[in-house]
N, C-alpha and C. Protein backbone atom coordinates (compact mmCIF):
# COMPACT_ATOMS: atom_id res chain seq x y z
N MET A 1 195.51 19.59 179.94
CA MET A 1 195.89 19.92 178.59
C MET A 1 197.40 20.20 178.50
N PHE A 2 197.99 20.77 179.52
CA PHE A 2 199.41 21.10 179.47
C PHE A 2 200.27 20.06 180.17
N TYR A 3 199.71 18.89 180.45
CA TYR A 3 200.48 17.87 181.15
C TYR A 3 201.64 17.29 180.33
N PRO A 4 201.50 17.04 179.02
CA PRO A 4 202.67 16.54 178.27
C PRO A 4 203.86 17.51 178.27
N PRO A 5 203.65 18.82 178.04
CA PRO A 5 204.81 19.72 178.14
C PRO A 5 205.40 19.76 179.55
N MET A 6 204.55 19.68 180.58
CA MET A 6 205.06 19.68 181.95
C MET A 6 205.92 18.45 182.19
N ALA A 7 205.47 17.30 181.69
CA ALA A 7 206.26 16.07 181.84
C ALA A 7 207.59 16.21 181.09
N GLY A 8 207.56 16.82 179.92
CA GLY A 8 208.79 17.04 179.16
C GLY A 8 209.75 17.95 179.90
N TYR A 9 209.22 19.01 180.49
CA TYR A 9 210.06 19.91 181.27
C TYR A 9 210.71 19.19 182.45
N LEU A 10 209.93 18.37 183.13
CA LEU A 10 210.47 17.64 184.28
C LEU A 10 211.51 16.60 183.84
N LEU A 11 211.33 16.03 182.66
CA LEU A 11 212.34 15.12 182.12
C LEU A 11 213.64 15.87 181.81
N VAL A 12 213.53 17.05 181.22
CA VAL A 12 214.72 17.87 180.96
C VAL A 12 215.42 18.23 182.26
N THR A 13 214.64 18.58 183.28
CA THR A 13 215.22 18.89 184.59
C THR A 13 215.97 17.69 185.14
N THR A 14 215.36 16.50 185.07
CA THR A 14 215.98 15.29 185.59
C THR A 14 217.29 14.98 184.88
N VAL A 15 217.29 15.06 183.56
CA VAL A 15 218.51 14.77 182.80
C VAL A 15 219.59 15.81 183.09
N SER A 16 219.21 17.07 183.16
CA SER A 16 220.18 18.13 183.44
C SER A 16 220.83 17.95 184.81
N VAL A 17 220.00 17.70 185.82
CA VAL A 17 220.53 17.51 187.18
C VAL A 17 221.39 16.25 187.24
N PHE A 18 220.97 15.19 186.57
CA PHE A 18 221.78 13.97 186.53
C PHE A 18 223.16 14.25 185.92
N LEU A 19 223.19 14.97 184.80
CA LEU A 19 224.47 15.28 184.15
C LEU A 19 225.35 16.17 185.03
N ILE A 20 224.73 17.10 185.76
CA ILE A 20 225.50 17.96 186.65
C ILE A 20 226.15 17.13 187.76
N PHE A 21 225.36 16.27 188.41
CA PHE A 21 225.92 15.43 189.47
C PHE A 21 226.93 14.43 188.92
N ALA A 22 226.66 13.87 187.76
CA ALA A 22 227.58 12.90 187.17
C ALA A 22 228.92 13.55 186.83
N GLN A 23 228.88 14.79 186.38
CA GLN A 23 230.13 15.48 186.06
C GLN A 23 230.89 15.79 187.34
N ARG A 24 230.19 16.22 188.36
CA ARG A 24 230.87 16.57 189.63
C ARG A 24 231.50 15.34 190.28
N ARG A 25 230.82 14.20 190.21
CA ARG A 25 231.33 12.97 190.82
C ARG A 25 232.16 12.14 189.86
N LYS A 26 232.27 12.59 188.62
CA LYS A 26 233.04 11.90 187.58
C LYS A 26 232.56 10.45 187.41
N VAL A 27 231.24 10.29 187.37
CA VAL A 27 230.62 8.97 187.24
C VAL A 27 230.63 8.50 185.79
N ILE A 28 230.43 9.42 184.88
CA ILE A 28 230.32 9.05 183.46
C ILE A 28 231.64 9.36 182.76
N GLY A 29 232.26 8.33 182.25
CA GLY A 29 233.45 8.52 181.44
C GLY A 29 233.06 8.73 179.99
N ARG A 30 234.04 8.93 179.16
CA ARG A 30 233.80 9.15 177.73
C ARG A 30 233.06 7.95 177.15
N ASN A 31 231.93 8.21 176.50
CA ASN A 31 231.13 7.16 175.88
C ASN A 31 230.29 7.76 174.77
N SER A 32 229.61 6.92 174.03
CA SER A 32 228.79 7.41 172.92
C SER A 32 227.30 7.31 173.22
N ALA A 33 226.93 7.13 174.49
CA ALA A 33 225.52 6.95 174.83
C ALA A 33 224.93 8.10 175.64
N ILE A 34 225.67 8.65 176.60
CA ILE A 34 225.10 9.67 177.47
C ILE A 34 226.15 10.73 177.77
N GLY A 35 225.69 11.96 177.89
CA GLY A 35 226.58 13.08 178.16
C GLY A 35 226.53 14.09 177.04
N ILE A 36 227.43 15.05 177.08
CA ILE A 36 227.54 16.04 176.02
C ILE A 36 228.46 15.43 174.96
N ARG A 37 227.83 14.80 173.98
CA ARG A 37 228.58 14.02 172.99
C ARG A 37 228.71 14.81 171.69
N THR A 38 229.88 15.32 171.47
CA THR A 38 230.19 15.98 170.20
C THR A 38 231.51 15.41 169.70
N ARG A 39 231.84 15.75 168.49
CA ARG A 39 233.10 15.25 167.91
C ARG A 39 234.29 15.68 168.77
N HIS A 40 234.25 16.88 169.28
CA HIS A 40 235.38 17.39 170.06
C HIS A 40 235.44 16.83 171.47
N THR A 41 234.27 16.65 172.13
CA THR A 41 234.30 16.10 173.48
C THR A 41 234.63 14.61 173.49
N LEU A 42 234.37 13.93 172.39
CA LEU A 42 234.68 12.50 172.30
C LEU A 42 236.12 12.24 171.86
N ALA A 43 236.88 13.28 171.59
CA ALA A 43 238.24 13.12 171.06
C ALA A 43 239.19 12.49 172.08
N SER A 44 239.03 12.82 173.36
CA SER A 44 239.92 12.26 174.39
C SER A 44 239.23 12.36 175.74
N ASP A 45 239.80 11.67 176.72
CA ASP A 45 239.23 11.75 178.07
C ASP A 45 239.37 13.16 178.65
N ALA A 46 240.47 13.81 178.37
CA ALA A 46 240.67 15.18 178.87
C ALA A 46 239.67 16.14 178.22
N ALA A 47 239.43 15.97 176.93
CA ALA A 47 238.46 16.81 176.23
C ALA A 47 237.05 16.56 176.76
N TRP A 48 236.75 15.31 177.07
CA TRP A 48 235.44 14.95 177.64
C TRP A 48 235.24 15.66 178.98
N GLU A 49 236.23 15.59 179.85
CA GLU A 49 236.13 16.24 181.17
C GLU A 49 236.02 17.75 181.03
N ALA A 50 236.86 18.34 180.19
CA ALA A 50 236.83 19.80 180.02
C ALA A 50 235.50 20.25 179.43
N GLY A 51 235.00 19.52 178.46
CA GLY A 51 233.73 19.87 177.85
C GLY A 51 232.57 19.80 178.82
N HIS A 52 232.54 18.76 179.62
CA HIS A 52 231.46 18.63 180.59
C HIS A 52 231.56 19.66 181.70
N ARG A 53 232.76 19.98 182.10
CA ARG A 53 232.95 21.02 183.12
C ARG A 53 232.45 22.36 182.59
N ALA A 54 232.74 22.64 181.33
CA ALA A 54 232.31 23.91 180.74
C ALA A 54 230.81 23.96 180.49
N GLY A 55 230.17 22.81 180.31
CA GLY A 55 228.75 22.78 180.03
C GLY A 55 227.85 22.87 181.25
N VAL A 56 228.42 22.70 182.43
CA VAL A 56 227.61 22.68 183.66
C VAL A 56 226.81 23.96 183.88
N PRO A 57 227.35 25.16 183.69
CA PRO A 57 226.52 26.37 183.91
C PRO A 57 225.27 26.40 183.03
N CYS A 58 225.41 25.98 181.79
CA CYS A 58 224.24 25.94 180.90
C CYS A 58 223.26 24.86 181.33
N LEU A 59 223.77 23.76 181.86
CA LEU A 59 222.89 22.71 182.36
C LEU A 59 222.10 23.20 183.58
N TYR A 60 222.75 23.99 184.44
CA TYR A 60 222.04 24.61 185.56
C TYR A 60 220.90 25.49 185.04
N ALA A 61 221.21 26.32 184.05
CA ALA A 61 220.19 27.21 183.47
C ALA A 61 219.04 26.40 182.87
N MET A 62 219.37 25.32 182.20
CA MET A 62 218.35 24.48 181.59
C MET A 62 217.44 23.86 182.66
N ALA A 63 218.04 23.42 183.76
CA ALA A 63 217.25 22.83 184.85
C ALA A 63 216.33 23.87 185.48
N VAL A 64 216.83 25.08 185.70
CA VAL A 64 216.02 26.14 186.30
C VAL A 64 214.88 26.54 185.36
N ILE A 65 215.19 26.71 184.08
CA ILE A 65 214.17 27.11 183.11
C ILE A 65 213.09 26.04 183.01
N SER A 66 213.48 24.79 182.90
CA SER A 66 212.49 23.73 182.72
C SER A 66 211.64 23.55 183.98
N THR A 67 212.25 23.65 185.15
CA THR A 67 211.47 23.54 186.38
C THR A 67 210.50 24.71 186.51
N GLY A 68 210.98 25.90 186.25
CA GLY A 68 210.13 27.09 186.32
C GLY A 68 208.96 27.04 185.36
N HIS A 69 209.21 26.56 184.15
CA HIS A 69 208.12 26.48 183.18
C HIS A 69 207.13 25.36 183.53
N ALA A 70 207.61 24.28 184.12
CA ALA A 70 206.69 23.22 184.56
C ALA A 70 205.75 23.77 185.64
N VAL A 71 206.29 24.51 186.59
CA VAL A 71 205.47 25.10 187.65
C VAL A 71 204.51 26.13 187.06
N ALA A 72 205.00 26.95 186.13
CA ALA A 72 204.14 27.96 185.52
C ALA A 72 203.02 27.32 184.71
N LEU A 73 203.33 26.24 184.01
CA LEU A 73 202.28 25.55 183.26
C LEU A 73 201.26 24.90 184.18
N PHE A 74 201.72 24.41 185.31
CA PHE A 74 200.78 23.86 186.29
C PHE A 74 199.83 24.95 186.76
N GLY A 75 200.37 26.14 187.02
CA GLY A 75 199.52 27.27 187.41
C GLY A 75 198.55 27.66 186.30
N ALA A 76 199.02 27.62 185.06
CA ALA A 76 198.14 27.94 183.94
C ALA A 76 197.04 26.90 183.80
N GLU A 77 197.38 25.64 184.06
CA GLU A 77 196.39 24.57 183.99
C GLU A 77 195.32 24.73 185.07
N ILE A 78 195.77 25.06 186.27
CA ILE A 78 194.82 25.23 187.38
C ILE A 78 193.90 26.42 187.13
N SER A 79 194.45 27.52 186.62
CA SER A 79 193.63 28.72 186.41
C SER A 79 192.93 28.72 185.06
N ASN A 80 193.14 27.66 184.27
CA ASN A 80 192.50 27.52 182.97
C ASN A 80 192.86 28.67 182.02
N ALA A 81 194.10 29.12 182.10
CA ALA A 81 194.60 30.19 181.24
C ALA A 81 195.28 29.57 180.02
N THR A 82 194.50 29.19 179.03
CA THR A 82 195.06 28.43 177.91
C THR A 82 196.00 29.27 177.04
N THR A 83 195.71 30.52 176.81
CA THR A 83 196.59 31.35 175.99
C THR A 83 197.95 31.52 176.65
N VAL A 84 197.93 31.83 177.92
CA VAL A 84 199.18 31.97 178.67
C VAL A 84 199.93 30.64 178.69
N GLY A 85 199.21 29.55 178.86
CA GLY A 85 199.83 28.23 178.87
C GLY A 85 200.51 27.90 177.56
N HIS A 86 199.87 28.22 176.44
CA HIS A 86 200.48 27.96 175.14
C HIS A 86 201.74 28.79 174.94
N ILE A 87 201.67 30.04 175.34
CA ILE A 87 202.85 30.92 175.21
C ILE A 87 203.99 30.40 176.09
N LEU A 88 203.67 30.03 177.33
CA LEU A 88 204.70 29.50 178.23
C LEU A 88 205.30 28.22 177.70
N SER A 89 204.47 27.37 177.14
CA SER A 89 204.95 26.09 176.62
C SER A 89 205.95 26.30 175.49
N VAL A 90 205.60 27.11 174.53
CA VAL A 90 206.50 27.36 173.39
C VAL A 90 207.75 28.11 173.85
N LEU A 91 207.58 29.12 174.67
CA LEU A 91 208.73 29.90 175.15
C LEU A 91 209.71 29.02 175.92
N GLY A 92 209.19 28.14 176.76
CA GLY A 92 210.07 27.25 177.53
C GLY A 92 210.90 26.36 176.64
N TRP A 93 210.27 25.77 175.63
CA TRP A 93 211.03 24.88 174.74
C TRP A 93 212.05 25.64 173.91
N VAL A 94 211.72 26.87 173.53
CA VAL A 94 212.70 27.69 172.79
C VAL A 94 213.90 28.00 173.69
N LEU A 95 213.65 28.37 174.94
CA LEU A 95 214.74 28.67 175.87
C LEU A 95 215.59 27.43 176.15
N ILE A 96 214.95 26.28 176.27
CA ILE A 96 215.70 25.03 176.50
C ILE A 96 216.55 24.70 175.30
N LEU A 97 216.02 24.89 174.11
CA LEU A 97 216.80 24.64 172.89
C LEU A 97 218.00 25.58 172.82
N ILE A 98 217.81 26.84 173.17
CA ILE A 98 218.93 27.79 173.19
C ILE A 98 219.98 27.34 174.20
N CYS A 99 219.55 26.91 175.38
CA CYS A 99 220.50 26.42 176.40
C CYS A 99 221.24 25.19 175.91
N ALA A 100 220.56 24.30 175.20
CA ALA A 100 221.21 23.10 174.68
C ALA A 100 222.29 23.47 173.66
N VAL A 101 221.99 24.43 172.80
CA VAL A 101 222.99 24.88 171.82
C VAL A 101 224.17 25.53 172.53
N LEU A 102 223.89 26.37 173.51
CA LEU A 102 224.98 27.02 174.25
C LEU A 102 225.81 26.01 175.03
N THR A 103 225.18 24.96 175.55
CA THR A 103 225.91 23.90 176.25
C THR A 103 226.88 23.23 175.30
N GLY A 104 226.40 22.88 174.12
CA GLY A 104 227.27 22.24 173.12
C GLY A 104 228.41 23.15 172.69
N LYS A 105 228.12 24.42 172.49
CA LYS A 105 229.17 25.35 172.08
C LYS A 105 230.23 25.50 173.17
N ALA A 106 229.79 25.64 174.42
CA ALA A 106 230.74 25.79 175.53
C ALA A 106 231.58 24.52 175.68
N ALA A 107 230.94 23.37 175.56
CA ALA A 107 231.67 22.10 175.68
C ALA A 107 232.67 21.94 174.55
N ASN A 108 232.27 22.27 173.34
CA ASN A 108 233.20 22.18 172.20
C ASN A 108 234.38 23.12 172.36
N ARG A 109 234.10 24.34 172.77
CA ARG A 109 235.18 25.32 172.95
C ARG A 109 236.20 24.82 173.97
N ALA A 110 235.71 24.31 175.08
CA ALA A 110 236.60 23.81 176.13
C ALA A 110 237.34 22.55 175.67
N ALA A 111 236.65 21.67 174.96
CA ALA A 111 237.30 20.43 174.49
C ALA A 111 238.38 20.73 173.45
N ARG A 112 238.13 21.70 172.58
CA ARG A 112 239.15 22.06 171.59
C ARG A 112 240.36 22.69 172.23
N SER A 113 240.16 23.42 173.34
CA SER A 113 241.30 24.07 174.00
C SER A 113 242.24 23.04 174.64
N VAL A 114 241.68 21.87 175.00
CA VAL A 114 242.50 20.83 175.60
C VAL A 114 243.34 20.13 174.54
N GLY A 115 242.76 19.93 173.38
CA GLY A 115 243.46 19.24 172.30
C GLY A 115 243.29 17.75 172.40
N PRO A 116 243.72 17.03 171.35
CA PRO A 116 243.55 15.57 171.33
C PRO A 116 244.47 14.83 172.26
């Protein structure tokens, strides 16, 4: 019953870890398809780099939260604890959404400090 949210959590983990490694290795340049894409981070290559560097801590948090909730939901599924599973599912997505907003804010702040 909780397999779709678990798959979603693992997808969030995969994307977060990919973005962390891509930023560290500077694999992804400024583009409109993948990365932390906001008006400010897309303004210049320097803003793109600064924004992604600033967003990494939130991406780490997002990966930890999503992995932890996937494991917790698996435990809820095994123990047939549906109420706990529903609470964990909603709580996890709320926390991930908060991390996504904080990632964007941190990236924008850093990109604006660099300037165009």
